[in-house]
Amino acid sequence: MRTIIAKPTVEAIAQAAEILRGGGLVAFPTETVYGLGANALDAVAVQKIFEAKGRPSDNPLIVHVASPDAAEPLAVVDERARRLMAAFWPGPLTLLLPKKAVVPHETNAGLASVALRMPDHPVALALLTACALPIAAPSANRSGRPSPTTADHVQKDIGGRIPLILDGGACAVGLESTVLDLTAPIPTIVRPGGVTREMLLAHLPAVRVADSVLRPLQVGEKAISPGMMYRHYAPRGTLTLVQGESAKVAQACTRLYREAEREGKRVCILAFTENEARYTGLNTRLIGSLESPETIAHALFAALRAMDDAGVEVILCEAIATDGIGLAIMNRMCRAAAFRVLEV
């Protein structure tokens, strides 16, 4: 199959909508990452997503909608959900709600809940409006790989598997949405993202963070949200997170770098701009500033993909504090590293 990359003109969006209505797949940009979309109500079409990605079918999908009203036929929407939709939609917040029968098991992995989100991107919203369907869309990459934040990333991963990629440029946020489970006794963040616990507490009396956010799933524990796999968002090289006091982290990264270098391996350190001077003479890629952690969120997946392009075999990455969006960044880093974390 030939994959076309198209600028999101009116004609290209109409073509994408026709593909979706016909049971096909389309990749499209959102403010978080690029999504691989299918008609969420068509079980056969949804199954094509899993085939294109090589994704386990027990991993639920997020359903994208054009408006809060469009969520009503798909799920049981209570007053709390409406309040959150008013505050954060469109935006990077996904709500887990009790599903209605219209949602096929293939879309939500047979769970009693369904994940719903209204994206904050003009192309995504235009596509949702044009096709007049809810769109099931995980990230548009091969399963387990770093999520795509440009159309080129999508092409490299699943080009030849889908007919069309709408190219809306680089994604603004760079990390997937926050997933909030509203079916839990206390609203629970099961995947952190750009909407933080602190932001949610302005609209809810209590919000907890699932302990699975910074640990792997246990044997027999079912994923109720995307992004809960043990190894996810991963580069091909071996990634190790180094956590502790900043100067000691730099010393440990330098020591591990030299050890890998002596073994003849290609190695790189992913560092914050504030610490650049500590790695003079070493192969280093800056991934943003600790003073502006949203820059780290924006750059992380592109940096991991750059490691693959450069053939880096050993990747060392500084850890970040887990307050605010730092929790989402560490969630992605830990899974990309398969929880290989060195405390110093």
Protein backbone atom coordinates (compact mmCIF):
# COMPACT_ATOMS: atom_id res chain seq x y z
CA MET A 1 0.00 0.00 0.00
CA ARG A 2 1.25 3.47 -0.87
CA THR A 3 0.96 6.00 1.96
CA ILE A 4 0.28 9.60 0.95
CA ILE A 5 1.36 12.47 3.22
CA ALA A 6 -0.95 15.42 2.60
CA LYS A 7 -1.22 18.93 3.93
CA PRO A 8 -4.57 19.31 5.72
CA THR A 9 -6.43 21.13 2.98
CA VAL A 10 -10.22 21.01 2.79
CA GLU A 11 -9.88 18.44 0.01
CA ALA A 12 -7.44 16.25 1.97
CA ILE A 13 -9.62 16.33 5.09
CA ALA A 14 -12.65 15.36 2.97
CA GLN A 15 -10.63 12.47 1.53
CA ALA A 16 -9.60 11.37 5.04
CA ALA A 17 -13.21 11.51 6.21
CA GLU A 18 -14.26 9.35 3.26
CA ILE A 19 -11.58 6.78 4.13
CA LEU A 20 -12.80 6.65 7.74
CA ARG A 21 -16.45 6.30 6.73
CA GLY A 22 -15.39 3.47 4.41
CA GLY A 23 -13.75 1.51 7.23
CA GLY A 24 -10.15 2.57 6.56
CA LEU A 25 -7.37 4.13 8.64
CA VAL A 26 -5.99 7.68 8.64
CA ALA A 27 -3.17 9.23 10.67
CA PHE A 28 -3.81 12.78 11.87
CA PRO A 29 -2.25 15.35 14.21
CA THR A 30 -3.50 16.31 17.65
CA GLU A 31 -1.96 18.72 20.15
CA THR A 32 -0.47 15.74 22.03
CA VAL A 33 0.86 13.23 19.44
CA TYR A 34 -0.24 11.94 16.04
CA GLY A 35 -3.16 9.52 16.17
CA LEU A 36 -4.01 6.51 14.02
CA GLY A 37 -7.74 6.77 13.50
CA ALA A 38 -10.62 4.47 12.61
CA ASN A 39 -14.38 4.65 13.01
CA ALA A 40 -14.76 3.88 16.72
CA LEU A 41 -18.14 2.22 16.14
CA ASP A 42 -16.90 -0.17 13.44
CA ALA A 43 -15.33 -3.26 15.04
CA VAL A 44 -13.71 -4.39 11.78
CA ALA A 45 -12.15 -0.98 11.18
CA VAL A 46 -10.88 -0.80 14.76
CA GLN A 47 -9.23 -4.20 14.38
CA LYS A 48 -7.17 -2.74 11.52
CA ILE A 49 -5.57 -0.34 14.01
CA PHE A 50 -4.20 -3.23 16.04
CA GLU A 51 -2.91 -4.91 12.88
CA ALA A 52 -1.20 -1.75 11.57
CA LYS A 53 0.46 -1.03 14.91
CA GLY A 54 1.22 -4.61 15.96
CA ARG A 55 -0.65 -3.67 19.14
CA PRO A 56 -2.09 -6.20 21.61
CA SER A 57 -5.89 -6.25 21.34
CA ASP A 58 -6.25 -6.11 25.15
CA ASN A 59 -4.87 -2.54 25.10
CA PRO A 60 -7.87 -0.14 25.04
CA LEU A 61 -8.14 2.80 22.64
CA ILE A 62 -9.08 6.42 23.20
CA VAL A 63 -12.16 7.63 21.34
CA HIS A 64 -11.94 11.18 20.00
CA VAL A 65 -15.09 13.28 19.72
CA ALA A 66 -15.89 16.66 18.17
CA SER A 67 -17.71 18.10 21.20
CA PRO A 68 -18.91 17.29 24.71
CA ASP A 69 -22.36 16.61 23.26
CA ALA A 70 -20.83 13.93 21.02
CA ALA A 71 -19.72 12.02 24.14
CA GLU A 72 -23.29 11.51 25.38
CA PRO A 73 -24.25 8.63 23.00
CA LEU A 74 -21.05 6.74 23.87
CA ALA A 75 -20.88 6.85 27.66
CA VAL A 76 -22.75 7.64 30.86
CA VAL A 77 -21.76 11.26 31.41
CA ASP A 78 -22.31 12.59 34.92
CA GLU A 79 -22.13 16.09 36.38
CA ARG A 80 -18.41 15.72 37.28
CA ALA A 81 -17.57 14.74 33.71
CA ARG A 82 -19.51 17.67 32.29
CA ARG A 83 -17.69 20.02 34.64
CA LEU A 84 -14.31 18.66 33.50
CA MET A 85 -15.30 18.82 29.84
CA ALA A 86 -16.27 22.47 30.27
CA ALA A 87 -12.92 23.22 31.91
CA PHE A 88 -10.49 21.14 29.81
CA TRP A 89 -12.10 20.27 26.46
CA PRO A 90 -10.82 20.66 23.89
CA GLY A 91 -7.52 19.65 25.43
CA PRO A 92 -5.23 16.86 26.66
CA LEU A 93 -7.64 15.25 29.13
CA THR A 94 -9.16 11.81 28.51
CA LEU A 95 -12.05 10.68 30.70
CA LEU A 96 -12.77 7.04 31.51
CA LEU A 97 -16.55 6.72 31.79
CA PRO A 98 -19.04 3.83 31.91
CA LYS A 99 -19.53 2.83 28.29
CA LYS A 100 -22.80 2.44 26.41
CA ALA A 101 -23.58 -0.61 24.30
CA VAL A 102 -22.91 1.21 21.02
CA VAL A 103 -19.14 1.02 21.68
CA PRO A 104 -17.80 -2.32 20.38
CA HIS A 105 -15.57 -4.49 22.57
CA GLU A 106 -12.71 -4.09 20.09
CA THR A 107 -12.55 -0.36 20.83
CA ASN A 108 -12.29 -0.59 24.62
CA ALA A 109 -10.74 -4.07 25.01
CA GLY A 110 -13.99 -5.42 26.47
CA LEU A 111 -13.87 -3.14 29.51
CA ALA A 112 -16.92 -1.63 31.18
CA SER A 113 -15.47 1.84 30.57
CA VAL A 114 -14.61 3.84 27.48
CA ALA A 115 -11.92 6.53 27.16
CA LEU A 116 -13.15 9.80 25.60
CA ARG A 117 -11.32 12.96 24.58
CA MET A 118 -11.92 16.10 22.53
CA PRO A 119 -8.58 17.08 20.94
CA ASP A 120 -7.39 20.68 20.80
CA HIS A 121 -6.10 20.74 17.22
CA PRO A 122 -7.80 22.35 14.22
CA VAL A 123 -7.02 19.44 11.89
CA ALA A 124 -8.31 16.80 14.30
CA LEU A 125 -11.49 18.79 14.94
CA ALA A 126 -12.03 19.43 11.24
CA LEU A 127 -11.65 15.70 10.54
CA LEU A 128 -14.08 14.76 13.32
CA THR A 129 -16.60 17.25 11.94
CA ALA A 130 -16.14 16.12 8.33
CA CYS A 131 -16.60 12.41 9.02
CA ALA A 132 -19.33 12.91 11.66
CA LEU A 133 -18.03 9.87 13.55
CA PRO A 134 -16.23 9.24 16.83
CA ILE A 135 -12.65 8.30 15.95
CA ALA A 136 -10.76 5.63 17.90
CA ALA A 137 -7.11 6.62 17.75
CA PRO A 138 -4.05 5.44 19.63
CA SER A 139 -0.67 6.98 18.79
CA ALA A 140 0.27 6.43 15.14
CA ASN A 141 3.41 4.37 15.71
CA ARG A 142 4.42 0.74 15.85
CA SER A 143 3.44 -0.66 19.24
CA GLY A 144 6.01 0.02 21.95
CA ARG A 145 7.94 2.66 19.97
CA PRO A 146 8.25 6.33 20.95
CA SER A 147 5.05 8.14 20.06
CA PRO A 148 5.13 10.21 16.84
CA THR A 149 5.08 13.98 17.06
CA THR A 150 5.57 14.66 13.32
CA ALA A 151 4.15 13.19 10.13
CA ASP A 152 7.64 11.93 9.27
CA HIS A 153 7.69 9.85 12.47
CA VAL A 154 4.40 8.26 11.41
CA GLN A 155 5.71 7.50 7.92
CA LYS A 156 8.83 5.84 9.31
CA ASP A 157 6.80 3.57 11.59
CA ILE A 158 3.68 2.64 9.64
CA GLY A 159 4.21 3.96 6.12
CA GLY A 160 2.91 1.38 3.66
CA ARG A 161 0.31 0.16 6.17
CA ILE A 162 -2.20 3.02 5.86
CA PRO A 163 -3.38 5.11 2.88
CA LEU A 164 -3.12 8.66 4.25
CA ILE A 165 -1.28 10.82 6.80
CA LEU A 166 -2.54 14.36 7.37
CA ASP A 167 0.55 16.50 8.03
CA GLY A 168 -0.27 19.22 10.55
CA GLY A 169 3.31 19.93 11.59
CA ALA A 170 4.92 19.16 14.94
CA CYS A 171 2.61 18.50 17.89
CA ALA A 172 2.55 21.28 20.48
CA VAL A 173 2.42 19.24 23.72
CA GLY A 174 4.43 16.17 22.71
CA LEU A 175 3.10 13.75 25.37
CA GLU A 176 -0.17 11.85 25.30
CA SER A 177 -3.20 13.10 27.24
CA THR A 178 -3.90 12.65 30.92
CA VAL A 179 -6.29 9.73 31.47
CA LEU A 180 -8.62 10.22 34.43
CA ASP A 181 -10.70 7.26 35.62
CA LEU A 182 -14.10 8.58 36.70
CA THR A 183 -15.41 5.06 37.33
CA ALA A 184 -13.14 4.71 40.38
CA PRO A 185 -14.46 5.56 43.90
CA ILE A 186 -12.11 8.57 43.85
CA PRO A 187 -11.24 10.05 40.42
CA THR A 188 -7.88 8.52 39.59
CA ILE A 189 -5.13 9.50 37.16
CA VAL A 190 -4.09 6.26 35.46
CA ARG A 191 -1.89 7.99 32.87
CA PRO A 192 -0.46 11.45 33.62
CA GLY A 193 -0.24 14.09 30.94
CA GLY A 194 -0.52 17.81 30.31
CA VAL A 195 -3.53 18.21 32.63
CA THR A 196 -2.00 17.72 36.08
CA ARG A 197 -3.49 16.59 39.38
CA GLU A 198 -3.17 20.15 40.65
CA MET A 199 -5.24 21.44 37.74
CA LEU A 200 -7.91 18.79 38.26
CA LEU A 201 -8.21 19.58 41.98
CA ALA A 202 -9.51 23.02 41.05
CA HIS A 203 -12.64 21.23 39.76
CA LEU A 204 -12.89 18.07 41.90
CA PRO A 205 -12.79 17.63 45.70
CA ALA A 206 -10.30 14.76 45.47
CA VAL A 207 -8.02 13.23 42.84
CA ARG A 208 -5.60 10.39 43.39
CA VAL A 209 -2.75 9.12 41.22
CA ALA A 210 -2.67 5.38 40.56
CA ASP A 211 0.44 3.73 41.95
CA SER A 212 0.85 1.98 38.59
CA VAL A 213 1.91 5.31 37.04
CA LEU A 214 5.55 4.80 38.10
CA ARG A 215 5.69 1.01 38.25
CA PRO A 216 5.06 -1.86 35.82
CA LEU A 217 1.75 -3.70 35.81
CA GLN A 218 1.73 -6.79 38.01
CA VAL A 219 1.13 -10.28 36.62
CA GLY A 220 -2.58 -10.57 35.83
CA GLU A 221 -3.21 -6.82 36.26
CA LYS A 222 -5.31 -5.52 33.37
CA ALA A 223 -4.52 -2.29 31.54
CA ILE A 224 -7.53 0.02 31.80
CA SER A 225 -5.80 2.80 29.87
CA PRO A 226 -3.32 3.10 27.01
CA GLY A 227 0.31 3.58 28.01
CA MET A 228 0.39 1.08 30.87
CA MET A 229 2.59 -1.55 29.22
CA TYR A 230 5.86 -2.53 30.96
CA ARG A 231 8.06 -1.34 28.08
CA HIS A 232 6.53 1.41 26.02
CA TYR A 233 7.65 4.54 24.14
CA ALA A 234 10.99 2.76 23.81
CA PRO A 235 14.01 3.46 21.59
CA ARG A 236 16.03 0.56 20.18
CA GLY A 237 19.02 1.32 22.37
CA THR A 238 19.22 0.52 26.09
CA LEU A 239 17.92 3.48 28.09
CA THR A 240 18.86 4.02 31.75
CA LEU A 241 17.42 6.77 33.95
CA VAL A 242 19.76 8.25 36.53
CA GLN A 243 18.05 9.80 39.53
CA GLY A 244 19.35 11.77 42.49
CA GLU A 245 21.13 15.00 43.38
CA SER A 246 22.08 16.85 40.20
CA ALA A 247 25.87 16.82 40.59
CA LYS A 248 25.88 13.12 41.50
CA VAL A 249 23.64 12.34 38.52
CA ALA A 250 26.13 14.06 36.22
CA GLN A 251 29.02 12.11 37.74
CA ALA A 252 27.18 8.81 37.34
CA CYS A 253 26.16 9.58 33.75
CA THR A 254 29.77 10.45 32.91
CA ARG A 255 31.06 7.23 34.51
CA LEU A 256 28.49 5.06 32.69
CA TYR A 257 29.24 6.91 29.46
CA ARG A 258 32.97 6.13 29.72
CA GLU A 259 32.26 2.48 30.54
CA ALA A 260 30.04 2.09 27.48
CA GLU A 261 32.56 3.92 25.35
CA ARG A 262 35.33 1.52 26.42
CA GLU A 263 33.09 -1.36 25.36
CA GLY A 264 32.96 0.14 21.89
CA LYS A 265 29.31 1.17 22.11
CA ARG A 266 27.74 4.29 20.68
CA VAL A 267 26.42 6.27 23.65
CA CYS A 268 24.57 9.53 24.28
CA ILE A 269 23.40 11.47 27.34
CA LEU A 270 19.97 13.13 27.33
CA ALA A 271 20.41 16.16 29.56
CA PHE A 272 18.66 19.33 30.67
CA THR A 273 19.98 22.68 29.45
CA GLU A 274 20.95 23.73 32.98
CA ASN A 275 23.44 20.83 33.15
CA GLU A 276 25.02 21.13 29.70
CA ALA A 277 28.41 22.31 31.03
CA ARG A 278 28.79 19.14 33.11
CA TYR A 279 29.04 17.01 29.96
CA THR A 280 31.60 18.96 27.95
CA GLY A 281 33.26 16.71 25.38
CA LEU A 282 30.60 14.00 25.62
CA ASN A 283 27.94 13.16 23.06
CA THR A 284 24.95 14.93 24.58
CA ARG A 285 21.47 15.88 23.41
CA LEU A 286 19.61 18.59 25.30
CA ILE A 287 15.93 17.82 25.91
CA GLY A 288 14.70 21.04 27.48
CA SER A 289 14.88 23.12 30.62
CA LEU A 290 14.03 22.22 34.20
CA GLU A 291 12.67 25.75 34.58
CA SER A 292 10.21 25.05 31.73
CA PRO A 293 9.40 21.34 31.98
CA GLU A 294 6.85 21.62 29.17
CA THR A 295 9.88 21.99 26.85
CA ILE A 296 11.05 18.56 28.04
CA ALA A 297 7.61 17.06 27.38
CA HIS A 298 7.65 18.57 23.89
CA ALA A 299 11.12 17.25 23.04
CA LEU A 300 11.23 13.81 24.69
CA PHE A 301 9.80 11.49 22.01
CA ALA A 302 11.64 13.26 19.19
CA ALA A 303 14.87 12.85 21.16
CA LEU A 304 14.30 9.12 21.64
CA ARG A 305 13.64 8.72 17.92
CA ALA A 306 16.81 10.70 17.16
CA MET A 307 18.75 8.13 19.19
CA ASP A 308 17.53 5.43 16.79
CA ASP A 309 18.40 7.52 13.73
CA ALA A 310 21.94 7.97 15.09
CA GLY A 311 22.34 4.28 15.97
CA VAL A 312 22.88 4.99 19.66
CA GLU A 313 23.16 1.75 21.64
CA VAL A 314 23.38 3.12 25.19
CA ILE A 315 21.26 6.09 26.28
CA LEU A 316 21.65 7.75 29.66
CA CYS A 317 18.94 10.17 30.76
CA GLU A 318 18.68 12.52 33.71
CA ALA A 319 15.52 12.05 35.78
CA ILE A 320 13.12 14.85 36.69
CA ALA A 321 11.05 15.59 39.80
CA THR A 322 7.50 14.23 39.63
CA ASP A 323 5.59 17.40 40.48
CA GLY A 324 3.31 18.96 37.85
CA ILE A 325 3.96 17.72 34.32
CA GLY A 326 7.15 16.09 35.64
CA LEU A 327 5.00 13.11 36.63
CA ALA A 328 3.97 12.59 33.00
CA ILE A 329 7.56 12.95 31.81
CA MET A 330 8.84 10.40 34.34
CA ASN A 331 5.98 8.03 33.50
CA ARG A 332 7.09 8.00 29.85
CA MET A 333 10.79 7.84 30.72
CA CYS A 334 10.34 4.92 33.12
CA ARG A 335 8.43 2.88 30.55
CA ALA A 336 10.84 3.79 27.76
CA ALA A 337 13.63 2.49 30.04
CA ALA A 338 11.64 -0.63 31.03
CA PHE A 339 12.00 0.74 34.60
CA ARG A 340 15.81 0.64 34.49
CA VAL A 341 16.41 3.42 37.06
CA LEU A 342 19.73 4.02 38.83
CA GLU A 343 19.50 5.87 42.16
CA VAL A 344 22.65 7.84 43.04
